[in-house]
Amino acid sequence: MVDKTDWLRKGNTMFNALSVDLEDWYHPELLKTKERQRPQIKESVAPILNLLDKYNTKATFFVLGNVAENNPNLIKKIKAQGHEIASHGYNHKSLKQITAEEFEKDIMKSKNILKKITGEYPIGYRAPTFSIDNNTKWAIDILEKQGFLYDSSIFPTKTHLYGVPDAPLNPYYPSRDDISRERRDKKGIIEFPMTVLPLKFYNLPTSGGFYLRLLPNQIIKAGIKNRNKKGFPAMLYIHPWETYSKTPRIRHGLISDFINYHGIDYALDKLESLLTSFKFKPVKSILFD
């Protein structure tokens, strides 16, 4: 695991990582809409920014390159409010659908757009749909080559879309041979995995997103407390579209509709409850400050 003495504490406060995947409502994997859609990123992210300001909380925004390209002033505003700007790639394509060469072009385009807007290259990355696993582990070397210091794409569980069920539950240096194992020399890019609650036969996802909308907050809090009791930070993530009641509903079948839209109307309230119960800060601050 990442060797950093007292890395979570400032005084007697335990900090966790809060992240926002800055993408629009039509980007989710299960939506599969090919029609041109009206963006609502500004409207949907505003309540999150207001909530973070209310609780004086800073977060990491994993920004999609094409969203940044079309909304540079929004990215400048987010950075000016003290939040970290990281990369979510450019096109929101799963790494399972592209080649290593295509991925490198995508990530270079994204980081250059963010550099032009913010004046700084991002040091953090999150893959669309958490699509880094042992079939796409080539991405780790490319990220490191392109100057990224950490990744936050691995989910230590298994779902029909993603997952590395045997991966460590806390920040670690992923092996190039098997990303569910840590490098012996503990060097290179750091992986900050999604938070799960380890049960007897399954790692229950409690990081946020769909799981924040689906599960009672007591279970989400239990996942965070489980990591904190062991002395490690938890990772919480959210998408603006899933905390915004005016997100359009495009029907694609019972299961997809449930995953995409269940709990949207009260997700922001659940996020606020977590902000009152735990302290959060950006990934960069947890790993490197």
C-alpha atoms as a PDB file:
ATOM      1  CA  MET A   1       0.000   0.000   0.000  1.00  0.00           C
ATOM      2  CA  VAL A   2       1.027   3.612  -0.371  1.00  0.00           C
ATOM      3  CA  ASP A   3       3.498   4.357   2.418  1.00  0.00           C
ATOM      4  CA  LYS A   4       2.635   7.753   3.818  1.00  0.00           C
ATOM      5  CA  THR A   5       2.749   8.358   7.549  1.00  0.00           C
ATOM      6  CA  ASP A   6      -0.344  10.059   8.979  1.00  0.00           C
ATOM      7  CA  TRP A   7      -1.509  10.900   5.453  1.00  0.00           C
ATOM      8  CA  LEU A   8      -5.189  11.085   6.337  1.00  0.00           C
ATOM      9  CA  ARG A   9      -5.087  13.328   9.319  1.00  0.00           C
ATOM     10  CA  LYS A  10      -4.865  17.027   9.882  1.00  0.00           C
ATOM     11  CA  GLY A  11      -5.055  17.461  13.612  1.00  0.00           C
ATOM     12  CA  ASN A  12      -7.584  14.814  14.626  1.00  0.00           C
ATOM     13  CA  THR A  13      -9.605  14.917  11.396  1.00  0.00           C
ATOM     14  CA  MET A  14      -9.919  11.919   9.091  1.00  0.00           C
ATOM     15  CA  PHE A  15     -10.251  12.924   5.437  1.00  0.00           C
ATOM     16  CA  ASN A  16     -11.787  10.974   2.570  1.00  0.00           C
ATOM     17  CA  ALA A  17     -11.675  11.674  -1.157  1.00  0.00           C
ATOM     18  CA  LEU A  18     -14.644  13.277  -2.890  1.00  0.00           C
ATOM     19  CA  SER A  19     -14.807  13.198  -6.679  1.00  0.00           C
ATOM     20  CA  VAL A  20     -17.199  14.415  -9.367  1.00  0.00           C
ATOM     21  CA  ASP A  21     -17.152  12.851 -12.820  1.00  0.00           C
ATOM     22  CA  LEU A  22     -17.921  15.930 -14.906  1.00  0.00           C
ATOM     23  CA  GLU A  23     -19.878  14.492 -17.815  1.00  0.00           C
ATOM     24  CA  ASP A  24     -23.293  15.281 -19.257  1.00  0.00           C
ATOM     25  CA  TRP A  25     -26.510  13.326 -18.925  1.00  0.00           C
ATOM     26  CA  TYR A  26     -26.149  11.550 -22.290  1.00  0.00           C
ATOM     27  CA  HIS A  27     -22.691  10.080 -21.613  1.00  0.00           C
ATOM     28  CA  PRO A  28     -23.492   6.993 -19.451  1.00  0.00           C
ATOM     29  CA  GLU A  29     -22.589   3.605 -20.908  1.00  0.00           C
ATOM     30  CA  LEU A  30     -26.122   2.234 -20.614  1.00  0.00           C
ATOM     31  CA  LEU A  31     -27.842   5.188 -22.294  1.00  0.00           C
ATOM     32  CA  LYS A  32     -26.548   4.374 -25.778  1.00  0.00           C
ATOM     33  CA  THR A  33     -28.219   7.377 -27.384  1.00  0.00           C
ATOM     34  CA  LYS A  34     -26.735   8.441 -30.715  1.00  0.00           C
ATOM     35  CA  GLU A  35     -28.960  11.472 -31.167  1.00  0.00           C
ATOM     36  CA  ARG A  36     -27.577  14.960 -30.655  1.00  0.00           C
ATOM     37  CA  GLN A  37     -28.703  16.013 -27.200  1.00  0.00           C
ATOM     38  CA  ARG A  38     -29.011  19.384 -25.502  1.00  0.00           C
ATOM     39  CA  PRO A  39     -26.254  19.807 -22.891  1.00  0.00           C
ATOM     40  CA  GLN A  40     -27.237  20.601 -19.319  1.00  0.00           C
ATOM     41  CA  ILE A  41     -23.848  20.368 -17.630  1.00  0.00           C
ATOM     42  CA  LYS A  42     -23.931  23.932 -16.281  1.00  0.00           C
ATOM     43  CA  GLU A  43     -27.382  23.506 -14.768  1.00  0.00           C
ATOM     44  CA  SER A  44     -26.689  20.075 -13.309  1.00  0.00           C
ATOM     45  CA  VAL A  45     -23.331  20.858 -11.708  1.00  0.00           C
ATOM     46  CA  ALA A  46     -24.486  24.133 -10.107  1.00  0.00           C
ATOM     47  CA  PRO A  47     -26.302  22.455  -7.158  1.00  0.00           C
ATOM     48  CA  ILE A  48     -23.211  20.351  -6.412  1.00  0.00           C
ATOM     49  CA  LEU A  49     -20.946  23.399  -6.439  1.00  0.00           C
ATOM     50  CA  ASN A  50     -23.365  25.230  -4.157  1.00  0.00           C
ATOM     51  CA  LEU A  51     -23.482  22.280  -1.771  1.00  0.00           C
ATOM     52  CA  LEU A  52     -19.686  22.002  -1.641  1.00  0.00           C
ATOM     53  CA  ASP A  53     -19.443  25.716  -0.980  1.00  0.00           C
ATOM     54  CA  LYS A  54     -22.043  25.445   1.800  1.00  0.00           C
ATOM     55  CA  TYR A  55     -19.892  22.885   3.627  1.00  0.00           C
ATOM     56  CA  ASN A  56     -16.548  24.426   2.653  1.00  0.00           C
ATOM     57  CA  THR A  57     -15.570  21.168   0.962  1.00  0.00           C
ATOM     58  CA  LYS A  58     -13.152  20.776  -1.948  1.00  0.00           C
ATOM     59  CA  ALA A  59     -13.339  17.897  -4.414  1.00  0.00           C
ATOM     60  CA  THR A  60     -11.624  16.420  -7.451  1.00  0.00           C
ATOM     61  CA  PHE A  61     -13.473  16.970 -10.716  1.00  0.00           C
ATOM     62  CA  PHE A  62     -12.625  14.311 -13.301  1.00  0.00           C
ATOM     63  CA  VAL A  63     -13.444  16.420 -16.342  1.00  0.00           C
ATOM     64  CA  LEU A  64     -14.419  15.006 -19.725  1.00  0.00           C
ATOM     65  CA  GLY A  65     -12.345  16.706 -22.413  1.00  0.00           C
ATOM     66  CA  ASN A  66     -15.193  17.543 -24.773  1.00  0.00           C
ATOM     67  CA  VAL A  67     -17.168  19.025 -21.870  1.00  0.00           C
ATOM     68  CA  ALA A  68     -14.185  21.219 -20.970  1.00  0.00           C
ATOM     69  CA  GLU A  69     -13.701  22.204 -24.603  1.00  0.00           C
ATOM     70  CA  ASN A  70     -17.280  23.455 -24.829  1.00  0.00           C
ATOM     71  CA  ASN A  71     -17.401  24.981 -21.318  1.00  0.00           C
ATOM     72  CA  PRO A  72     -13.994  26.507 -20.545  1.00  0.00           C
ATOM     73  CA  ASN A  73     -15.425  29.168 -18.241  1.00  0.00           C
ATOM     74  CA  LEU A  74     -17.136  26.499 -16.148  1.00  0.00           C
ATOM     75  CA  ILE A  75     -13.831  24.670 -15.693  1.00  0.00           C
ATOM     76  CA  LYS A  76     -12.116  27.928 -14.740  1.00  0.00           C
ATOM     77  CA  LYS A  77     -14.865  28.576 -12.193  1.00  0.00           C
ATOM     78  CA  ILE A  78     -14.516  25.118 -10.648  1.00  0.00           C
ATOM     79  CA  LYS A  79     -10.751  25.552 -10.348  1.00  0.00           C
ATOM     80  CA  ALA A  80     -11.134  29.097  -8.964  1.00  0.00           C
ATOM     81  CA  GLN A  81     -13.328  27.685  -6.185  1.00  0.00           C
ATOM     82  CA  GLY A  82     -10.415  25.527  -5.054  1.00  0.00           C
ATOM     83  CA  HIS A  83     -11.310  22.172  -6.578  1.00  0.00           C
ATOM     84  CA  GLU A  84      -8.839  19.871  -8.312  1.00  0.00           C
ATOM     85  CA  ILE A  85      -9.182  19.451 -12.082  1.00  0.00           C
ATOM     86  CA  ALA A  86      -8.340  15.917 -13.246  1.00  0.00           C
ATOM     87  CA  SER A  87      -8.979  14.048 -16.514  1.00  0.00           C
ATOM     88  CA  HIS A  88     -11.859  11.770 -17.472  1.00  0.00           C
ATOM     89  CA  GLY A  89     -10.551  11.361 -21.020  1.00  0.00           C
ATOM     90  CA  TYR A  90     -11.999  13.159 -24.027  1.00  0.00           C
ATOM     91  CA  ASN A  91     -14.773  11.086 -25.641  1.00  0.00           C
ATOM     92  CA  HIS A  92     -16.072   8.965 -22.757  1.00  0.00           C
ATOM     93  CA  LYS A  93     -15.327   5.735 -24.600  1.00  0.00           C
ATOM     94  CA  SER A  94     -14.731   2.627 -22.552  1.00  0.00           C
ATOM     95  CA  LEU A  95     -11.131   1.460 -22.832  1.00  0.00           C
ATOM     96  CA  LYS A  96     -12.551  -1.916 -23.802  1.00  0.00           C
ATOM     97  CA  GLN A  97     -13.778  -0.335 -27.053  1.00  0.00           C
ATOM     98  CA  ILE A  98     -10.532   1.338 -28.158  1.00  0.00           C
ATOM     99  CA  THR A  99      -6.908   0.439 -28.812  1.00  0.00           C
ATOM    100  CA  ALA A 100      -3.912   1.529 -26.776  1.00  0.00           C
ATOM    101  CA  GLU A 101      -2.969   3.953 -29.547  1.00  0.00           C
ATOM    102  CA  GLU A 102      -6.453   5.459 -29.581  1.00  0.00           C
ATOM    103  CA  PHE A 103      -6.376   5.762 -25.807  1.00  0.00           C
ATOM    104  CA  GLU A 104      -3.092   7.644 -25.838  1.00  0.00           C
ATOM    105  CA  LYS A 105      -4.420  10.106 -28.426  1.00  0.00           C
ATOM    106  CA  ASP A 106      -7.588  10.561 -26.361  1.00  0.00           C
ATOM    107  CA  ILE A 107      -5.704  11.223 -23.141  1.00  0.00           C
ATOM    108  CA  MET A 108      -3.235  13.592 -24.796  1.00  0.00           C
ATOM    109  CA  LYS A 109      -6.090  15.593 -26.295  1.00  0.00           C
ATOM    110  CA  SER A 110      -7.859  15.758 -22.934  1.00  0.00           C
ATOM    111  CA  LYS A 111      -4.842  16.845 -20.904  1.00  0.00           C
ATOM    112  CA  ASN A 112      -3.871  19.506 -23.448  1.00  0.00           C
ATOM    113  CA  ILE A 113      -7.375  20.987 -23.360  1.00  0.00           C
ATOM    114  CA  LEU A 114      -7.295  21.121 -19.563  1.00  0.00           C
ATOM    115  CA  LYS A 115      -3.815  22.663 -19.604  1.00  0.00           C
ATOM    116  CA  LYS A 116      -4.994  25.381 -22.000  1.00  0.00           C
ATOM    117  CA  ILE A 117      -7.946  26.223 -19.738  1.00  0.00           C
ATOM    118  CA  THR A 118      -6.369  25.936 -16.288  1.00  0.00           C
ATOM    119  CA  GLY A 119      -2.689  26.548 -16.975  1.00  0.00           C
ATOM    120  CA  GLU A 120      -1.796  23.160 -15.478  1.00  0.00           C
ATOM    121  CA  TYR A 121      -1.652  19.597 -16.720  1.00  0.00           C
ATOM    122  CA  PRO A 122      -3.887  17.249 -14.728  1.00  0.00           C
ATOM    123  CA  ILE A 123      -2.102  14.666 -12.585  1.00  0.00           C
ATOM    124  CA  GLY A 124      -5.109  12.406 -12.019  1.00  0.00           C
ATOM    125  CA  TYR A 125      -7.208  10.270 -14.354  1.00  0.00           C
ATOM    126  CA  ARG A 126     -10.405   8.208 -14.208  1.00  0.00           C
ATOM    127  CA  ALA A 127     -11.437   5.908 -17.051  1.00  0.00           C
ATOM    128  CA  PRO A 128     -14.990   6.062 -18.371  1.00  0.00           C
ATOM    129  CA  THR A 129     -17.107   3.287 -16.834  1.00  0.00           C
ATOM    130  CA  PHE A 130     -14.177   2.257 -14.595  1.00  0.00           C
ATOM    131  CA  SER A 131     -12.844   0.354 -17.613  1.00  0.00           C
ATOM    132  CA  ILE A 132      -9.305  -0.360 -16.451  1.00  0.00           C
ATOM    133  CA  ASP A 133      -8.833  -4.034 -15.640  1.00  0.00           C
ATOM    134  CA  ASN A 134      -6.330  -6.726 -16.587  1.00  0.00           C
ATOM    135  CA  ASN A 135      -7.587  -6.661 -20.179  1.00  0.00           C
ATOM    136  CA  THR A 136      -6.796  -2.950 -20.447  1.00  0.00           C
ATOM    137  CA  LYS A 137      -3.810  -2.768 -18.087  1.00  0.00           C
ATOM    138  CA  TRP A 138      -1.762  -1.220 -20.914  1.00  0.00           C
ATOM    139  CA  ALA A 139      -3.463   2.033 -19.895  1.00  0.00           C
ATOM    140  CA  ILE A 140      -1.357   2.258 -16.716  1.00  0.00           C
ATOM    141  CA  ASP A 141       1.912   2.529 -18.638  1.00  0.00           C
ATOM    142  CA  ILE A 142       0.409   5.115 -21.003  1.00  0.00           C
ATOM    143  CA  LEU A 143      -0.888   7.217 -18.130  1.00  0.00           C
ATOM    144  CA  GLU A 144       2.508   7.158 -16.477  1.00  0.00           C
ATOM    145  CA  LYS A 145       4.201   8.035 -19.777  1.00  0.00           C
ATOM    146  CA  GLN A 146       1.863  11.016 -20.159  1.00  0.00           C
ATOM    147  CA  GLY A 147       2.783  12.391 -16.740  1.00  0.00           C
ATOM    148  CA  PHE A 148      -0.143  11.249 -14.607  1.00  0.00           C
ATOM    149  CA  LEU A 149       0.682  10.581 -10.966  1.00  0.00           C
ATOM    150  CA  TYR A 150      -2.462   8.736  -9.968  1.00  0.00           C
ATOM    151  CA  ASP A 151      -5.391   6.833 -11.424  1.00  0.00           C
ATOM    152  CA  SER A 152      -8.805   6.223  -9.889  1.00  0.00           C
ATOM    153  CA  SER A 153     -10.465   3.722 -12.214  1.00  0.00           C
ATOM    154  CA  ILE A 154     -10.347   0.335 -10.501  1.00  0.00           C
ATOM    155  CA  PHE A 155     -13.422  -1.050  -8.748  1.00  0.00           C
ATOM    156  CA  PRO A 156     -12.503  -3.926  -6.377  1.00  0.00           C
ATOM    157  CA  THR A 157     -15.709  -5.844  -7.117  1.00  0.00           C
ATOM    158  CA  LYS A 158     -17.404  -7.422 -10.133  1.00  0.00           C
ATOM    159  CA  THR A 159     -20.396  -6.138 -12.087  1.00  0.00           C
ATOM    160  CA  HIS A 160     -21.580  -6.790 -15.640  1.00  0.00           C
ATOM    161  CA  LEU A 161     -19.846  -3.558 -16.749  1.00  0.00           C
ATOM    162  CA  TYR A 162     -16.573  -3.446 -14.805  1.00  0.00           C
ATOM    163  CA  GLY A 163     -14.546  -4.643 -11.865  1.00  0.00           C
ATOM    164  CA  VAL A 164     -11.290  -6.142 -10.574  1.00  0.00           C
ATOM    165  CA  PRO A 165     -12.631  -8.160  -7.621  1.00  0.00           C
ATOM    166  CA  ASP A 166      -9.233  -9.146  -6.205  1.00  0.00           C
ATOM    167  CA  ALA A 167      -7.717  -5.643  -6.303  1.00  0.00           C
ATOM    168  CA  PRO A 168      -6.575  -3.967  -3.066  1.00  0.00           C
ATOM    169  CA  LEU A 169      -9.184  -1.885  -1.267  1.00  0.00           C
ATOM    170  CA  ASN A 170      -6.796   0.991  -0.473  1.00  0.00           C
ATOM    171  CA  PRO A 171      -4.417   3.158  -2.538  1.00  0.00           C
ATOM    172  CA  TYR A 172      -1.579   1.087  -4.017  1.00  0.00           C
ATOM    173  CA  TYR A 173       0.990   0.879  -6.816  1.00  0.00           C
ATOM    174  CA  PRO A 174      -0.493  -1.507  -9.429  1.00  0.00           C
ATOM    175  CA  SER A 175       1.713  -4.191 -10.955  1.00  0.00           C
ATOM    176  CA  ARG A 176       2.071  -4.078 -14.736  1.00  0.00           C
ATOM    177  CA  ASP A 177       1.688  -7.856 -14.889  1.00  0.00           C
ATOM    178  CA  ASP A 178      -1.467  -8.041 -12.785  1.00  0.00           C
ATOM    179  CA  ILE A 179      -3.168  -4.847 -11.667  1.00  0.00           C
ATOM    180  CA  SER A 180      -4.877  -6.684  -8.830  1.00  0.00           C
ATOM    181  CA  ARG A 181      -1.444  -6.925  -7.225  1.00  0.00           C
ATOM    182  CA  GLU A 182       0.937  -4.269  -5.923  1.00  0.00           C
ATOM    183  CA  ARG A 183       4.382  -3.601  -7.385  1.00  0.00           C
ATOM    184  CA  ARG A 184       7.143  -4.958  -5.196  1.00  0.00           C
ATOM    185  CA  ASP A 185       9.181  -1.761  -5.486  1.00  0.00           C
ATOM    186  CA  LYS A 186       6.135   0.395  -4.666  1.00  0.00           C
ATOM    187  CA  LYS A 187       6.942   2.932  -7.360  1.00  0.00           C
ATOM    188  CA  GLY A 188       5.143   4.510 -10.286  1.00  0.00           C
ATOM    189  CA  ILE A 189       1.573   5.678 -10.654  1.00  0.00           C
ATOM    190  CA  ILE A 190      -0.725   5.310  -7.635  1.00  0.00           C
ATOM    191  CA  GLU A 191      -4.129   3.652  -7.948  1.00  0.00           C
ATOM    192  CA  PHE A 192      -6.874   5.022  -5.686  1.00  0.00           C
ATOM    193  CA  PRO A 193      -9.629   2.386  -6.008  1.00  0.00           C
ATOM    194  CA  MET A 194     -13.349   2.820  -5.515  1.00  0.00           C
ATOM    195  CA  THR A 195     -14.595   2.053  -2.024  1.00  0.00           C
ATOM    196  CA  VAL A 196     -16.386  -1.205  -1.293  1.00  0.00           C
ATOM    197  CA  LEU A 197     -17.707  -2.794   1.881  1.00  0.00           C
ATOM    198  CA  PRO A 198     -16.115  -6.253   2.108  1.00  0.00           C
ATOM    199  CA  LEU A 199     -18.680  -8.904   2.951  1.00  0.00           C
ATOM    200  CA  LYS A 200     -18.168 -12.660   3.293  1.00  0.00           C
ATOM    201  CA  PHE A 201     -18.715 -13.515  -0.374  1.00  0.00           C
ATOM    202  CA  TYR A 202     -18.809 -10.148  -2.145  1.00  0.00           C
ATOM    203  CA  ASN A 203     -17.328  -6.658  -2.078  1.00  0.00           C
ATOM    204  CA  LEU A 204     -20.405  -4.416  -1.957  1.00  0.00           C
ATOM    205  CA  PRO A 205     -19.853  -1.141  -3.873  1.00  0.00           C
ATOM    206  CA  THR A 206     -20.405   1.835  -1.572  1.00  0.00           C
ATOM    207  CA  SER A 207     -18.470   4.543  -3.433  1.00  0.00           C
ATOM    208  CA  GLY A 208     -21.371   6.600  -4.687  1.00  0.00           C
ATOM    209  CA  GLY A 209     -22.904   6.958  -8.124  1.00  0.00           C
ATOM    210  CA  PHE A 210     -25.669   4.422  -8.706  1.00  0.00           C
ATOM    211  CA  TYR A 211     -24.909   2.837  -5.337  1.00  0.00           C
ATOM    212  CA  LEU A 212     -25.459   6.155  -3.559  1.00  0.00           C
ATOM    213  CA  ARG A 213     -28.829   6.395  -5.275  1.00  0.00           C
ATOM    214  CA  LEU A 214     -29.746   2.775  -4.593  1.00  0.00           C
ATOM    215  CA  LEU A 215     -28.489   1.952  -1.111  1.00  0.00           C
ATOM    216  CA  PRO A 216     -29.560   3.411   2.233  1.00  0.00           C
ATOM    217  CA  ASN A 217     -27.084   6.010   3.431  1.00  0.00           C
ATOM    218  CA  GLN A 218     -26.322   3.829   6.440  1.00  0.00           C
ATOM    219  CA  ILE A 219     -24.668   1.317   4.107  1.00  0.00           C
ATOM    220  CA  ILE A 220     -22.717   4.004   2.238  1.00  0.00           C
ATOM    221  CA  LYS A 221     -21.534   5.342   5.595  1.00  0.00           C
ATOM    222  CA  ALA A 222     -20.607   1.826   6.718  1.00  0.00           C
ATOM    223  CA  GLY A 223     -18.351   1.483   3.663  1.00  0.00           C
ATOM    224  CA  ILE A 224     -16.593   4.747   4.466  1.00  0.00           C
ATOM    225  CA  LYS A 225     -16.230   3.897   8.160  1.00  0.00           C
ATOM    226  CA  ASN A 226     -14.844   0.467   7.290  1.00  0.00           C
ATOM    227  CA  ARG A 227     -11.907   2.030   5.422  1.00  0.00           C
ATOM    228  CA  ASN A 228     -11.384   4.755   8.022  1.00  0.00           C
ATOM    229  CA  LYS A 229     -11.243   2.291  10.912  1.00  0.00           C
ATOM    230  CA  LYS A 230      -8.354   0.588   9.128  1.00  0.00           C
ATOM    231  CA  GLY A 231      -6.600   3.946   8.740  1.00  0.00           C
ATOM    232  CA  PHE A 232      -7.282   4.531   5.046  1.00  0.00           C
ATOM    233  CA  PRO A 233      -9.324   7.035   3.030  1.00  0.00           C
ATOM    234  CA  ALA A 234     -12.539   6.133   1.270  1.00  0.00           C
ATOM    235  CA  MET A 235     -13.388   7.314  -2.236  1.00  0.00           C
ATOM    236  CA  LEU A 236     -16.790   8.859  -2.992  1.00  0.00           C
ATOM    237  CA  TYR A 237     -17.897   9.770  -6.525  1.00  0.00           C
ATOM    238  CA  ILE A 238     -20.950  11.357  -8.120  1.00  0.00           C
ATOM    239  CA  HIS A 239     -22.108  12.541 -11.550  1.00  0.00           C
ATOM    240  CA  PRO A 240     -23.948  15.863 -11.926  1.00  0.00           C
ATOM    241  CA  TRP A 241     -26.702  14.299 -14.043  1.00  0.00           C
ATOM    242  CA  GLU A 242     -27.606  11.843 -11.277  1.00  0.00           C
ATOM    243  CA  THR A 243     -28.181  14.557  -8.674  1.00  0.00           C
ATOM    244  CA  TYR A 244     -30.313  16.758 -10.954  1.00  0.00           C
ATOM    245  CA  SER A 245     -34.078  16.245 -11.013  1.00  0.00           C
ATOM    246  CA  LYS A 246     -34.430  17.672 -14.542  1.00  0.00           C
ATOM    247  CA  THR A 247     -32.163  15.077 -16.141  1.00  0.00           C
ATOM    248  CA  PRO A 248     -34.041  13.785 -19.228  1.00  0.00           C
ATOM    249  CA  ARG A 249     -35.244  10.186 -19.089  1.00  0.00           C
ATOM    250  CA  ILE A 250     -34.644   8.212 -22.269  1.00  0.00           C
ATOM    251  CA  ARG A 251     -36.109   4.728 -22.016  1.00  0.00           C
ATOM    252  CA  HIS A 252     -33.943   1.720 -22.905  1.00  0.00           C
ATOM    253  CA  GLY A 253     -35.560  -1.086 -20.961  1.00  0.00           C
ATOM    254  CA  LEU A 254     -36.384  -1.833 -17.354  1.00  0.00           C
ATOM    255  CA  ILE A 255     -32.872  -2.662 -16.107  1.00  0.00           C
ATOM    256  CA  SER A 256     -31.071   0.158 -17.904  1.00  0.00           C
ATOM    257  CA  ASP A 257     -33.722   2.667 -16.866  1.00  0.00           C
ATOM    258  CA  PHE A 258     -33.452   1.567 -13.240  1.00  0.00           C
ATOM    259  CA  ILE A 259     -29.653   1.899 -13.212  1.00  0.00           C
ATOM    260  CA  ASN A 260     -29.702   5.241 -15.027  1.00  0.00           C
ATOM    261  CA  TYR A 261     -32.513   7.003 -13.192  1.00  0.00           C
ATOM    262  CA  HIS A 262     -33.422   5.364  -9.890  1.00  0.00           C
ATOM    263  CA  GLY A 263     -33.048   7.740  -6.957  1.00  0.00           C
ATOM    264  CA  ILE A 264     -32.079  10.860  -8.903  1.00  0.00           C
ATOM    265  CA  ASP A 265     -34.637  13.035  -7.140  1.00  0.00           C
ATOM    266  CA  TYR A 266     -33.088  12.552  -3.687  1.00  0.00           C
ATOM    267  CA  ALA A 267     -29.419  11.843  -4.485  1.00  0.00           C
ATOM    268  CA  LEU A 268     -28.337  15.395  -3.654  1.00  0.00           C
ATOM    269  CA  ASP A 269     -29.919  15.119  -0.208  1.00  0.00           C
ATOM    270  CA  LYS A 270     -28.032  11.878   0.404  1.00  0.00           C
ATOM    271  CA  LEU A 271     -24.789  13.539  -0.669  1.00  0.00           C
ATOM    272  CA  GLU A 272     -25.462  16.388   1.763  1.00  0.00           C
ATOM    273  CA  SER A 273     -25.969  13.887   4.567  1.00  0.00           C
ATOM    274  CA  LEU A 274     -22.526  12.427   3.834  1.00  0.00           C
ATOM    275  CA  LEU A 275     -20.967  15.892   3.830  1.00  0.00           C
ATOM    276  CA  THR A 276     -22.344  16.456   7.334  1.00  0.00           C
ATOM    277  CA  SER A 277     -20.992  13.103   8.575  1.00  0.00           C
ATOM    278  CA  PHE A 278     -17.474  12.993   7.071  1.00  0.00           C
ATOM    279  CA  LYS A 279     -14.681  15.307   5.983  1.00  0.00           C
ATOM    280  CA  PHE A 280     -13.596  15.248   2.356  1.00  0.00           C
ATOM    281  CA  LYS A 281     -10.894  16.787   0.211  1.00  0.00           C
ATOM    282  CA  PRO A 282      -9.442  16.303  -3.296  1.00  0.00           C
ATOM    283  CA  VAL A 283      -7.502  13.189  -4.230  1.00  0.00           C
ATOM    284  CA  LYS A 284      -4.381  15.245  -4.920  1.00  0.00           C
ATOM    285  CA  SER A 285      -4.428  16.638  -1.389  1.00  0.00           C
ATOM    286  CA  ILE A 286      -4.841  13.215   0.213  1.00  0.00           C
ATOM    287  CA  LEU A 287      -2.070  11.537  -1.757  1.00  0.00           C
ATOM    288  CA  PHE A 288       0.526  14.267  -2.061  1.00  0.00           C
ATOM    289  CA  ASP A 289       0.063  17.098   0.462  1.00  0.00           C
END
